Structures are given as structure tokens and as C-alpha cells.
Amino acid sequence: MVKKDLTIIAIEAEPELSLEELCETCHITPDFICELIEYGTLEPKGIALETWRFDTRHLQRIQRVLRLQHDLGINMAGAALAMDLMDQIEKLQAQIELLEKSLQV
């Protein structure tokens, strides 16, 4: 019988970034983030600007907005609308998958 060593890997909780760290990571300004928040595209954790925290989900949303603006020349209002529509599509696709699974039983 072969004995295998068990290695335990500590998985760090999802890292959170401050506003400054997020701006440095994405090469954007705090004003850009504030505009995304005003349009409802981002919802940071925390109440005040100094306590805002952002996770990887926020990074992905910012990257999507930047791609929309760069590739399609969409302004912030258009990007916010596109993000809302993409969110709705993802929710509907998840509901369809759930319904399809329940019908297969």
C-alpha cells in the first residue's frame, strides 16, 4: 500500500483592494471609479470613500467597461447600460440551466 502525504494548503480569502489600490491595479483614476458607482455599475463594500473595498468581481466589471469603451467607443452611460443588460442575460441563462436540469429529472 502506498502512503501519500496530505498537504494542507491555506486558501486566502478573496483579497480586497482599497480605492487607491484598485486605481493603481487598473490604471484608472478615482473619478472613473466614482462615475461607475454613480451609474450603479460598481457597488463597493463600505460606506465612505475611505472605507470602500473592492474584490475580484469589481476588477472584472471594470475590465469589461474599459473594453467596451476602448473597443466600441461607448461612453459611460452606454457602458453602464450594456453592463446591466449583460447582468440580466447571465441571470436568465442561469435560470434556464436550472429549469433544464429540473426537467431532466
Protein backbone atom coordinates (compact mmCIF):
# COMPACT_ATOMS: atom_id res chain seq x y z
CA MET A 1 0.00 0.00 0.00
CA VAL A 2 1.37 3.39 -0.99
CA LYS A 3 1.17 6.03 1.68
CA LYS A 4 0.50 9.53 0.39
CA ASP A 5 1.33 12.66 2.32
CA LEU A 6 -1.54 15.02 2.88
CA THR A 7 -0.65 18.60 2.16
CA ILE A 8 -2.94 21.26 3.50
CA ILE A 9 -2.99 24.47 1.57
CA ALA A 10 -4.33 27.56 3.24
CA ILE A 11 -6.59 29.38 0.84
CA GLU A 12 -6.59 33.08 1.40
CA ALA A 13 -9.94 34.77 1.45
CA GLU A 14 -10.68 36.83 -1.62
CA PRO A 15 -8.37 39.83 -1.49
CA GLU A 16 -9.93 43.23 -1.16
CA LEU A 17 -8.44 46.40 -2.55
CA SER A 18 -8.79 49.98 -1.40
CA LEU A 19 -9.79 52.67 -3.89
CA GLU A 20 -6.15 53.67 -4.32
CA GLU A 21 -5.01 50.07 -4.86
CA LEU A 22 -7.81 49.47 -7.35
CA CYS A 23 -6.89 52.58 -9.33
CA GLU A 24 -3.23 51.54 -9.42
CA THR A 25 -4.10 48.00 -10.48
CA CYS A 26 -6.44 49.07 -13.28
CA HIS A 27 -4.51 52.23 -14.29
CA ILE A 28 -7.58 54.41 -13.81
CA THR A 29 -8.48 57.46 -11.75
CA PRO A 30 -10.67 57.64 -8.64
CA ASP A 31 -13.04 59.84 -10.67
CA PHE A 32 -13.56 56.94 -13.10
CA ILE A 33 -14.48 54.65 -10.19
CA CYS A 34 -16.82 57.27 -8.72
CA GLU A 35 -18.55 57.58 -12.09
CA LEU A 36 -19.00 53.80 -12.26
CA ILE A 37 -20.52 53.89 -8.79
CA GLU A 38 -22.85 56.77 -9.73
CA TYR A 39 -24.14 54.75 -12.70
CA GLY A 40 -24.61 51.70 -10.47
CA THR A 41 -22.04 49.65 -12.36
CA LEU A 42 -19.96 49.13 -9.21
CA GLU A 43 -21.12 48.76 -5.64
CA PRO A 44 -18.14 48.92 -3.28
CA LYS A 45 -18.15 47.47 0.19
CA GLY A 46 -18.06 50.23 2.78
CA ILE A 47 -19.91 53.47 3.27
CA ALA A 48 -17.36 56.25 2.95
CA LEU A 49 -14.78 56.74 0.23
CA GLU A 50 -12.01 55.98 2.73
CA THR A 51 -13.58 52.64 3.68
CA TRP A 52 -14.51 51.41 0.20
CA ARG A 53 -13.24 47.92 -0.61
CA PHE A 54 -13.24 46.17 -3.97
CA ASP A 55 -12.81 42.49 -4.84
CA THR A 56 -12.05 40.49 -7.99
CA ARG A 57 -15.66 40.79 -9.17
CA HIS A 58 -15.19 44.57 -9.26
CA LEU A 59 -11.94 44.18 -11.20
CA GLN A 60 -13.73 42.06 -13.82
CA ARG A 61 -16.52 44.62 -14.17
CA ILE A 62 -14.02 47.46 -14.60
CA GLN A 63 -12.15 45.48 -17.26
CA ARG A 64 -15.43 44.90 -19.12
CA VAL A 65 -16.28 48.60 -19.04
CA LEU A 66 -12.80 49.54 -20.25
CA ARG A 67 -13.08 47.04 -23.12
CA LEU A 68 -16.50 48.39 -24.10
CA GLN A 69 -15.15 51.91 -24.13
CA HIS A 70 -11.94 51.04 -25.95
CA ASP A 71 -13.27 48.53 -28.49
CA LEU A 72 -16.67 50.06 -29.21
CA GLY A 73 -16.18 53.71 -28.26
CA ILE A 74 -19.09 53.57 -25.81
CA ASN A 75 -19.46 56.39 -23.28
CA MET A 76 -20.00 55.70 -19.58
CA ALA A 77 -23.80 55.77 -19.78
CA GLY A 78 -23.74 53.29 -22.66
CA ALA A 79 -21.27 51.06 -20.83
CA ALA A 80 -23.47 51.09 -17.72
CA LEU A 81 -26.49 50.09 -19.82
CA ALA A 82 -24.52 47.34 -21.55
CA MET A 83 -23.33 46.04 -18.16
CA ASP A 84 -26.92 45.96 -16.86
CA LEU A 85 -28.04 44.04 -19.94
CA MET A 86 -25.15 41.56 -19.66
CA ASP A 87 -26.02 41.01 -15.98
CA GLN A 88 -29.64 40.29 -16.92
CA ILE A 89 -28.54 37.87 -19.65
CA GLU A 90 -26.30 35.99 -17.18
CA LYS A 91 -29.18 35.70 -14.68
CA LEU A 92 -31.57 34.46 -17.37
CA GLN A 93 -29.03 31.91 -18.60
CA ALA A 94 -28.60 30.62 -15.04
CA GLN A 95 -32.39 30.31 -14.68
CA ILE A 96 -32.63 28.44 -17.99
CA GLU A 97 -29.92 26.00 -16.91
CA LEU A 98 -31.71 25.41 -13.63
CA LEU A 99 -35.02 24.80 -15.40
CA GLU A 100 -33.39 22.45 -17.90
CA LYS A 101 -31.83 20.44 -15.06
CA SER A 102 -35.14 20.20 -13.23
CA LEU A 103 -36.89 18.96 -16.40
CA GLN A 104 -34.31 16.22 -16.94
CA VAL A 105 -35.10 14.56 -13.62
